[in-house]
Amino acid sequence: MLAVASLVTLSACSGSGDSGGSSSGGKPVTVEFWGAAVGLDKSVALWNKSHPDIKVKYSQIPAGSIGGYAKMQNAVKAGNAPCLGQVGYDTLSNFIATGALEDISQYADAGKDKFVPWTWQMSSVGDRVFGIPVDTGPMAMYYRSDLFKKYKISPPKTWDDFAAAAQKVHSANPSAYLTTTPQDAYDLGALTWQAGGKWFGTANDRWQVTIDNPQTSKVAQYWQGLLDKKLVTSDPMLDTAWFKKVQDGQLLSLVSAVWAAPLISKNLPELSGKWAVAPMPQWSAGQKAAGNRGGSATVVLKGCEHPKEATEFATWMSTDSNSVTNLIKNTGIYPAATSGQQLPAVDQPSKYFGGQNIYDVFKTAAANTSTGWVWGPTMSQVQSDMKDGLKKAGAGQGTIPKTVTSVQDSTVAAMKSQGLSVGK
């Protein structure tokens, strides 16, 4: 299709790297890797101990949404980018469209069958591969089991139940709230994903942009309703202030992905045994739909002198049992590699979560997550516009539904400005 072909054409016309490997003259090759997730350095150390011919030099950079992606893009433009970078599936199309990635198909294709098919699709455009999948982000509801007991509420099975629980908690204690509102495009996108909607697709040789689809509108109206009744806060999730409010019993739950588990346990060690995990609330009783929030690939950036060796390491990091076990324990991933989903690390009780095997919940969520979601080619713009609009809505200076409509329009304009063909 033209929409997909346009991404590949833009990629081919931008950047200036040589996609072929260069000879190291028999000397050890050094591959630089930039990533943001906690625990990647430990997998790199494991590799370096057993692979003397290919040394990986790891550097921790900010998460993509707070500058990491801009740092990588700028490095590519300056001609001094590392070989490898950690990029979320949601933003990978951005990197392809700007010509920031190498096509690694010739080195990666042999490993295709090691991964869950939809993660491979998320890392590719057509038959061109631009990254090696690392993980997915199946979602569930984290909650303070001790405070749920205190307020006599059960994990809500539906979103109507969730709203009722929010009302009960806040009525009992005006300083306490069940949760906080969606903060950005990835939060709202994940909730739309669960509701059965899609933001992007391709048809009739065009990109289709439907951010303002009925499912997103339903999600937006739901959260705006809770906000209007002052039953939820707009505190940014998983930041210092949020952890403090959780510690003080002012916030009781979080609907998020599997990777939030180690963030909660490491930042709130004193609450060990007082947390649990339940499936996401459903729009209709009896459903089991889940959304996906996150997931990433290890990409080879334009200009990499050793794409073959870089791809070899990236594939190893995502499939080696010791590496994946490390990433499960320290990064909180749900592996994209099928072998990783069978490791003992995803089948053990958690002391922090009251002895619950929380991966049972996330395994079920992953199995009930639609695989047809597509991310668009201007997600940096979508994220910026959506985050700004949601922040204003949280402050009472706008609404979530109006933000959705506004981002629909700004996204179409941004894509057209890049020369992409857009329809609806």
Protein backbone atom coordinates (compact mmCIF):
# COMPACT_ATOMS: atom_id res chain seq x y z
CA MET A 1 0.00 0.00 0.00
CA LEU A 2 1.09 3.57 -0.67
CA ALA A 3 0.86 4.57 2.99
CA VAL A 4 3.30 1.85 4.03
CA ALA A 5 5.47 2.38 0.96
CA SER A 6 5.73 6.08 1.82
CA LEU A 7 7.36 5.26 5.14
CA VAL A 8 9.95 3.07 3.46
CA THR A 9 10.56 5.68 0.75
CA LEU A 10 11.07 8.40 3.33
CA SER A 11 13.45 6.11 5.18
CA ALA A 12 15.45 5.37 2.04
CA CYS A 13 15.71 9.06 1.14
CA SER A 14 16.78 10.25 4.60
CA GLY A 15 19.94 9.59 6.57
CA SER A 16 23.29 8.59 5.16
CA GLY A 17 24.52 5.43 6.82
CA ASP A 18 25.96 2.39 5.10
CA SER A 19 23.76 -0.59 5.93
CA GLY A 20 26.51 -3.08 5.19
CA GLY A 21 28.82 -4.42 7.88
CA SER A 22 32.44 -3.22 7.95
CA SER A 23 35.45 -5.41 8.53
CA SER A 24 36.99 -5.28 11.98
CA GLY A 25 40.25 -6.77 10.72
CA GLY A 26 39.94 -9.62 13.19
CA LYS A 27 39.82 -7.21 16.12
CA PRO A 28 36.96 -7.09 18.64
CA VAL A 29 34.02 -5.00 17.46
CA THR A 30 32.49 -2.40 19.76
CA VAL A 31 28.78 -1.69 19.45
CA GLU A 32 27.28 1.24 21.33
CA PHE A 33 23.76 0.90 22.77
CA TRP A 34 21.50 3.63 24.18
CA GLY A 35 18.53 2.61 26.30
CA ALA A 36 16.27 3.90 29.04
CA ALA A 37 14.86 0.81 30.75
CA VAL A 38 16.31 -0.22 34.10
CA GLY A 39 18.06 -3.58 33.82
CA LEU A 40 19.34 -3.36 30.25
CA ASP A 41 22.84 -2.79 31.58
CA LYS A 42 22.73 -6.17 33.33
CA SER A 43 21.90 -7.98 30.08
CA VAL A 44 24.75 -6.12 28.38
CA ALA A 45 27.11 -7.28 31.14
CA LEU A 46 26.00 -10.89 30.61
CA TRP A 47 26.71 -10.59 26.90
CA ASN A 48 30.13 -9.02 27.36
CA LYS A 49 31.21 -11.84 29.68
CA SER A 50 30.56 -14.49 27.05
CA HIS A 51 31.18 -12.66 23.74
CA PRO A 52 34.74 -11.30 23.68
CA ASP A 53 34.64 -10.59 19.93
CA ILE A 54 31.72 -8.15 20.14
CA LYS A 55 31.75 -5.67 22.98
CA VAL A 56 28.56 -3.75 23.73
CA LYS A 57 28.99 -0.34 25.37
CA TYR A 58 25.78 0.67 27.12
CA SER A 59 24.65 4.20 28.00
CA GLN A 60 21.54 5.04 30.01
CA ILE A 61 19.52 7.87 28.47
CA PRO A 62 16.19 9.48 29.43
CA ALA A 63 12.96 7.71 28.50
CA GLY A 64 11.70 8.57 25.04
CA SER A 65 8.91 10.84 26.17
CA ILE A 66 11.29 12.99 28.23
CA GLY A 67 14.05 13.44 25.69
CA GLY A 68 15.57 10.08 24.82
CA TYR A 69 14.06 9.88 21.35
CA ALA A 70 15.08 13.44 20.51
CA LYS A 71 18.61 12.64 21.67
CA MET A 72 18.78 9.63 19.32
CA GLN A 73 17.26 11.52 16.38
CA ASN A 74 19.68 14.42 16.86
CA ALA A 75 22.61 12.03 17.06
CA VAL A 76 21.58 10.44 13.76
CA LYS A 77 21.40 13.87 12.12
CA ALA A 78 24.81 14.75 13.51
CA GLY A 79 26.32 11.49 12.29
CA ASN A 80 27.40 10.31 15.74
CA ALA A 81 24.55 8.00 16.76
CA PRO A 82 25.13 4.71 18.56
CA CYS A 83 24.53 1.48 16.67
CA LEU A 84 21.61 0.43 18.87
CA GLY A 85 18.72 2.18 20.54
CA GLN A 86 15.67 1.20 22.57
CA VAL A 87 12.52 2.46 20.84
CA GLY A 88 8.90 1.77 21.74
CA TYR A 89 6.68 0.21 19.10
CA ASP A 90 4.53 3.33 19.32
CA THR A 91 7.35 5.55 18.07
CA LEU A 92 9.21 3.20 15.75
CA SER A 93 7.28 4.48 12.72
CA ASN A 94 8.51 7.99 13.55
CA PHE A 95 12.10 6.79 13.33
CA ILE A 96 11.42 4.99 10.04
CA ALA A 97 9.70 8.01 8.51
CA THR A 98 12.67 10.26 9.33
CA GLY A 99 15.18 7.80 7.91
CA ALA A 100 16.80 7.19 11.29
CA LEU A 101 16.92 3.37 11.11
CA GLU A 102 18.82 0.74 9.18
CA ASP A 103 16.98 -2.03 7.37
CA ILE A 104 18.34 -5.14 9.13
CA SER A 105 16.25 -7.74 7.29
CA GLN A 106 19.26 -9.65 5.97
CA TYR A 107 20.54 -10.19 9.50
CA ALA A 108 17.27 -10.47 11.40
CA ASP A 109 14.94 -12.58 9.26
CA ALA A 110 16.39 -15.89 10.45
CA GLY A 111 15.11 -15.14 13.96
CA LYS A 112 11.58 -14.17 12.99
CA ASP A 113 9.95 -17.35 14.26
CA LYS A 114 11.34 -16.83 17.76
CA PHE A 115 8.90 -14.00 18.44
CA VAL A 116 5.18 -13.45 18.88
CA PRO A 117 4.09 -12.55 15.31
CA TRP A 118 2.47 -9.21 16.08
CA THR A 119 5.63 -7.92 17.79
CA TRP A 120 7.62 -8.72 14.65
CA GLN A 121 5.04 -6.80 12.63
CA MET A 122 5.37 -3.86 15.03
CA SER A 123 9.12 -3.85 14.33
CA SER A 124 8.77 -3.98 10.56
CA VAL A 125 7.25 -2.25 7.55
CA GLY A 126 6.16 -4.75 4.95
CA ASP A 127 9.05 -7.17 4.53
CA ARG A 128 11.66 -4.74 5.87
CA VAL A 129 12.78 -5.26 9.46
CA PHE A 130 13.99 -2.30 11.51
CA GLY A 131 14.19 -3.71 15.03
CA ILE A 132 14.28 -6.82 17.20
CA PRO A 133 11.25 -7.11 19.54
CA VAL A 134 11.97 -7.07 23.28
CA ASP A 135 8.63 -7.06 25.06
CA THR A 136 4.94 -6.22 25.13
CA GLY A 137 2.90 -4.29 27.67
CA PRO A 138 -0.19 -6.30 28.69
CA MET A 139 -2.30 -4.33 31.16
CA ALA A 140 -4.08 -4.98 34.43
CA MET A 141 -5.17 -3.08 37.52
CA TYR A 142 -2.74 -2.66 40.42
CA TYR A 143 -4.49 -1.92 43.70
CA ARG A 144 -3.83 -1.47 47.41
CA SER A 145 -5.47 -4.61 48.78
CA ASP A 146 -5.31 -3.29 52.34
CA LEU A 147 -7.16 -0.09 51.46
CA PHE A 148 -9.71 -1.88 49.27
CA LYS A 149 -10.49 -3.94 52.37
CA LYS A 150 -10.69 -0.79 54.48
CA TYR A 151 -13.19 0.86 52.14
CA LYS A 152 -15.05 -2.42 51.58
CA ILE A 153 -14.63 -2.49 47.82
CA SER A 154 -13.66 -5.35 45.52
CA PRO A 155 -11.54 -5.12 42.36
CA PRO A 156 -14.08 -3.72 39.86
CA LYS A 157 -15.05 -6.11 37.08
CA THR A 158 -16.55 -3.41 34.84
CA TRP A 159 -15.86 0.27 34.24
CA ASP A 160 -19.25 1.01 35.80
CA ASP A 161 -18.07 -0.84 38.90
CA PHE A 162 -14.88 1.20 38.77
CA ALA A 163 -16.82 4.47 38.78
CA ALA A 164 -18.96 3.24 41.69
CA ALA A 165 -15.83 2.29 43.65
CA ALA A 166 -14.32 5.71 42.95
CA GLN A 167 -17.46 7.33 44.33
CA LYS A 168 -17.46 5.13 47.44
CA VAL A 169 -13.81 5.81 48.27
CA HIS A 170 -14.01 9.55 47.80
CA SER A 171 -17.27 9.81 49.72
CA ALA A 172 -15.74 7.94 52.65
CA ASN A 173 -12.55 10.01 52.57
CA PRO A 174 -12.50 13.28 50.57
CA SER A 175 -8.70 13.19 50.45
CA ALA A 176 -8.62 9.71 48.91
CA TYR A 177 -9.10 8.79 45.26
CA LEU A 178 -9.31 5.49 43.45
CA THR A 179 -6.91 6.54 40.70
CA THR A 180 -5.71 9.30 38.38
CA THR A 181 -6.73 10.21 34.83
CA PRO A 182 -4.98 9.10 31.60
CA GLN A 183 -1.87 11.24 31.22
CA ASP A 184 -0.81 10.93 27.60
CA ALA A 185 -1.40 9.42 24.19
CA TYR A 186 -0.11 6.03 25.27
CA ASP A 187 -2.48 5.83 28.24
CA LEU A 188 -5.47 6.87 26.16
CA GLY A 189 -4.36 4.69 23.26
CA ALA A 190 -4.09 1.63 25.51
CA LEU A 191 -7.60 2.21 26.87
CA THR A 192 -8.89 2.62 23.32
CA TRP A 193 -7.08 -0.58 22.35
CA GLN A 194 -8.96 -2.44 25.08
CA ALA A 195 -12.26 -0.89 23.95
CA GLY A 196 -11.78 -2.22 20.42
CA GLY A 197 -10.91 1.00 18.62
CA LYS A 198 -7.97 1.89 16.38
CA TRP A 199 -6.19 5.17 15.76
CA PHE A 200 -4.35 4.32 12.55
CA GLY A 201 -4.61 1.95 9.63
CA THR A 202 -4.11 1.80 5.89
CA ALA A 203 -6.74 1.48 3.17
CA ASN A 204 -7.17 2.65 -0.40
CA ASP A 205 -3.46 3.48 -0.63
CA ARG A 206 -3.71 5.96 2.22
CA TRP A 207 -3.08 6.26 5.90
CA GLN A 208 -6.35 6.19 7.81
CA VAL A 209 -6.43 8.40 10.92
CA THR A 210 -9.31 7.72 13.33
CA ILE A 211 -8.11 9.03 16.68
CA ASP A 212 -11.61 10.41 17.25
CA ASN A 213 -13.27 7.02 16.70
CA PRO A 214 -16.33 5.98 18.74
CA GLN A 215 -14.31 3.85 21.15
CA THR A 216 -11.86 6.64 21.98
CA SER A 217 -14.77 9.04 22.36
CA LYS A 218 -16.39 6.63 24.82
CA VAL A 219 -13.18 6.34 26.83
CA ALA A 220 -12.70 10.11 26.80
CA GLN A 221 -16.25 10.82 27.94
CA TYR A 222 -15.97 8.23 30.70
CA TRP A 223 -12.83 9.75 32.22
CA GLN A 224 -14.14 13.28 31.75
CA GLY A 225 -17.22 12.25 33.70
CA LEU A 226 -15.08 11.04 36.61
CA LEU A 227 -13.03 14.21 36.43
CA ASP A 228 -16.12 16.43 36.40
CA LYS A 229 -17.38 14.70 39.56
CA LYS A 230 -13.93 15.11 41.13
CA LEU A 231 -13.70 11.35 41.72
CA VAL A 232 -10.20 11.04 40.23
CA THR A 233 -7.10 13.22 40.29
CA SER A 234 -4.89 14.35 37.43
CA ASP A 235 -1.61 13.56 39.19
CA PRO A 236 1.05 12.25 36.79
CA MET A 237 1.34 8.50 37.30
CA LEU A 238 4.47 6.91 38.72
CA ASP A 239 6.28 10.14 39.51
CA THR A 240 7.58 11.25 42.92
CA ALA A 241 4.37 13.05 43.92
CA TRP A 242 2.26 10.08 42.84
CA PHE A 243 4.29 7.65 44.95
CA LYS A 244 3.96 9.99 47.94
CA LYS A 245 0.16 10.09 47.60
CA VAL A 246 0.03 6.30 47.31
CA GLN A 247 2.21 6.02 50.40
CA ASP A 248 -0.17 8.35 52.26
CA GLY A 249 -3.24 6.36 51.22
CA GLN A 250 -4.58 9.10 48.93
CA LEU A 251 -4.34 7.04 45.72
CA LEU A 252 -5.47 3.42 45.75
CA SER A 253 -4.96 1.95 42.29
CA LEU A 254 -3.36 2.17 38.88
CA VAL A 255 -4.42 0.71 35.53
CA SER A 256 -1.15 0.11 33.76
CA ALA A 257 1.17 -2.40 32.11
CA VAL A 258 3.28 -5.21 33.48
CA TRP A 259 6.40 -3.03 33.60
CA ALA A 260 4.85 -0.90 36.38
CA ALA A 261 5.31 -3.74 38.89
CA PRO A 262 9.04 -3.21 39.60
CA LEU A 263 8.56 0.56 39.66
CA ILE A 264 5.95 0.20 42.38
CA SER A 265 7.91 -2.31 44.43
CA LYS A 266 11.22 -0.41 44.22
CA ASN A 267 9.71 2.97 45.04
CA LEU A 268 7.34 1.78 47.76
CA PRO A 269 9.19 -1.04 49.55
CA GLU A 270 7.38 -0.31 52.81
CA LEU A 271 4.07 -1.35 51.19
CA SER A 272 5.21 -4.91 50.51
CA GLY A 273 2.33 -7.33 50.88
CA LYS A 274 -0.26 -4.56 50.53
CA TRP A 275 -0.62 -4.67 46.75
CA ALA A 276 -2.40 -7.02 44.38
CA VAL A 277 -3.17 -7.22 40.67
CA ALA A 278 -6.54 -7.83 38.99
CA PRO A 279 -7.69 -7.87 35.34
CA MET A 280 -8.65 -4.56 33.74
CA PRO A 281 -12.30 -3.55 34.24
CA GLN A 282 -14.45 -4.38 31.22
CA TRP A 283 -16.92 -2.29 29.25
CA SER A 284 -19.40 -5.16 29.34
CA ALA A 285 -19.70 -7.79 32.07
CA GLY A 286 -18.14 -11.10 31.16
CA GLN A 287 -15.62 -9.77 28.66
CA LYS A 288 -11.87 -10.36 29.03
CA ALA A 289 -10.42 -7.71 26.71
CA ALA A 290 -7.12 -6.08 27.66
CA GLY A 291 -5.09 -3.23 26.28
CA ASN A 292 -1.36 -2.97 25.63
CA ARG A 293 0.66 -0.09 27.07
CA GLY A 294 4.21 -0.09 25.78
CA GLY A 295 6.54 -2.71 24.44
CA SER A 296 9.75 -1.94 22.60
CA ALA A 297 12.28 -3.07 20.04
CA THR A 298 16.04 -2.77 19.88
CA VAL A 299 16.67 -0.87 16.65
CA VAL A 300 19.80 -0.34 14.58
CA LEU A 301 20.28 3.37 13.98
CA LYS A 302 21.31 4.85 10.66
CA GLY A 303 25.06 4.96 10.18
CA CYS A 304 25.87 1.92 12.32
CA GLU A 305 29.20 0.50 11.14
CA HIS A 306 28.44 -3.00 12.40
CA PRO A 307 24.72 -3.75 11.76
CA LYS A 308 25.31 -7.51 11.60
CA GLU A 309 26.96 -7.64 15.02
CA ALA A 310 24.43 -5.17 16.44
CA THR A 311 21.55 -7.35 15.27
CA GLU A 312 23.25 -10.44 16.69
CA PHE A 313 23.39 -8.85 20.13
CA ALA A 314 19.83 -7.49 19.92
CA THR A 315 18.48 -10.93 19.04
CA TRP A 316 20.47 -12.56 21.83
CA MET A 317 19.28 -10.02 24.40
CA SER A 318 15.63 -10.77 23.57
CA THR A 319 15.97 -14.57 23.42
CA ASP A 320 18.76 -15.77 25.70
CA SER A 321 17.20 -17.27 28.82
CA ASN A 322 19.56 -15.55 31.25
CA SER A 323 19.15 -12.18 29.59
CA VAL A 324 15.36 -12.43 29.41
CA THR A 325 15.16 -13.63 33.01
CA ASN A 326 17.14 -10.55 34.02
CA LEU A 327 14.79 -8.28 32.05
CA ILE A 328 11.72 -9.90 33.60
CA LYS A 329 13.05 -9.45 37.13
CA ASN A 330 14.62 -6.00 36.82
CA THR A 331 12.74 -4.33 33.99
CA GLY A 332 9.35 -5.95 34.47
CA ILE A 333 8.93 -7.00 30.86
CA TYR A 334 6.53 -9.53 29.40
CA PRO A 335 8.79 -11.12 26.76
CA ALA A 336 8.15 -10.85 23.04
CA ALA A 337 10.13 -14.06 22.51
CA THR A 338 7.90 -17.12 22.78
CA SER A 339 10.60 -18.99 24.71
CA GLY A 340 10.75 -16.14 27.21
CA GLN A 341 7.08 -16.57 28.02
CA GLN A 342 7.84 -20.08 29.28
CA LEU A 343 10.62 -19.13 31.68
CA PRO A 344 10.25 -19.82 35.44
CA ALA A 345 10.52 -16.07 36.11
CA VAL A 346 7.01 -15.55 34.71
CA ASP A 347 5.53 -18.28 36.86
CA GLN A 348 6.45 -17.43 40.43
CA PRO A 349 4.61 -15.88 43.38
CA SER A 350 5.59 -12.36 44.37
CA LYS A 351 6.18 -11.60 48.03
CA TYR A 352 5.64 -7.91 47.36
CA PHE A 353 2.22 -8.60 45.85
CA GLY A 354 1.06 -10.67 48.80
CA GLY A 355 2.24 -14.00 47.40
CA GLN A 356 0.23 -13.59 44.19
CA ASN A 357 1.65 -14.86 40.89
CA ILE A 358 0.91 -11.60 39.10
CA TYR A 359 2.18 -12.92 35.75
CA ASP A 360 -0.86 -15.18 35.62
CA VAL A 361 -2.95 -12.02 35.25
CA PHE A 362 -0.66 -10.56 32.61
CA LYS A 363 -0.47 -13.81 30.64
CA THR A 364 -4.26 -13.83 30.41
CA ALA A 365 -4.24 -10.15 29.47
CA ALA A 366 -1.70 -10.76 26.70
CA ALA A 367 -3.81 -13.61 25.33
CA ASN A 368 -6.85 -11.32 25.24
CA THR A 369 -5.22 -8.31 23.62
CA SER A 370 -6.14 -7.55 20.02
CA THR A 371 -3.17 -7.84 17.66
CA GLY A 372 -4.51 -5.49 14.99
CA TRP A 373 -3.42 -2.19 16.50
CA VAL A 374 -1.25 0.05 14.30
CA TRP A 375 0.79 3.06 15.42
CA GLY A 376 1.07 6.04 13.10
CA PRO A 377 4.18 7.74 11.69
CA THR A 378 3.95 10.98 13.73
CA MET A 379 3.58 9.64 17.26
CA SER A 380 5.99 12.19 18.72
CA GLN A 381 3.56 14.87 17.58
CA VAL A 382 0.54 12.86 18.74
CA GLN A 383 2.12 12.37 22.16
CA SER A 384 3.04 16.03 22.54
CA ASP A 385 -0.39 17.30 21.51
CA MET A 386 -2.31 14.71 23.52
CA LYS A 387 -0.22 15.13 26.65
CA ASP A 388 -0.66 18.90 26.53
CA GLY A 389 -4.42 18.61 26.03
CA LEU A 390 -4.87 16.05 28.80
CA LYS A 391 -2.84 18.16 31.21
CA LYS A 392 -5.08 21.15 30.50
CA ALA A 393 -8.20 18.98 30.89
CA GLY A 394 -6.93 17.82 34.26
CA ALA A 395 -6.52 21.45 35.30
CA GLY A 396 -10.05 22.32 34.18
CA GLN A 397 -8.86 24.32 31.16
CA GLY A 398 -10.36 21.99 28.58
CA THR A 399 -11.87 18.54 28.28
CA ILE A 400 -10.64 15.10 27.30
CA PRO A 401 -13.18 14.72 24.44
CA LYS A 402 -12.17 18.09 22.96
CA THR A 403 -8.52 17.06 23.23
CA VAL A 404 -9.25 13.93 21.21
CA THR A 405 -10.90 15.97 18.45
CA SER A 406 -8.06 18.48 18.44
CA VAL A 407 -5.38 15.77 18.19
CA GLN A 408 -7.27 14.11 15.33
CA ASP A 409 -7.01 17.35 13.36
CA SER A 410 -3.41 18.14 14.30
CA THR A 411 -2.30 14.61 13.41
CA VAL A 412 -3.84 14.71 9.93
CA ALA A 413 -2.17 18.07 9.35
CA ALA A 414 1.20 16.80 10.59
CA MET A 415 1.09 13.73 8.37
CA LYS A 416 0.14 15.74 5.31
CA SER A 417 2.98 18.15 6.02
CA GLN A 418 5.35 15.18 5.75
CA GLY A 419 3.98 14.31 2.35
CA LEU A 420 2.00 11.29 3.53
CA SER A 421 -1.28 10.47 1.86
CA VAL A 422 -4.09 10.60 4.44
CA GLY A 423 -7.74 9.59 4.37
CA LYS A 424 -10.35 8.56 6.89
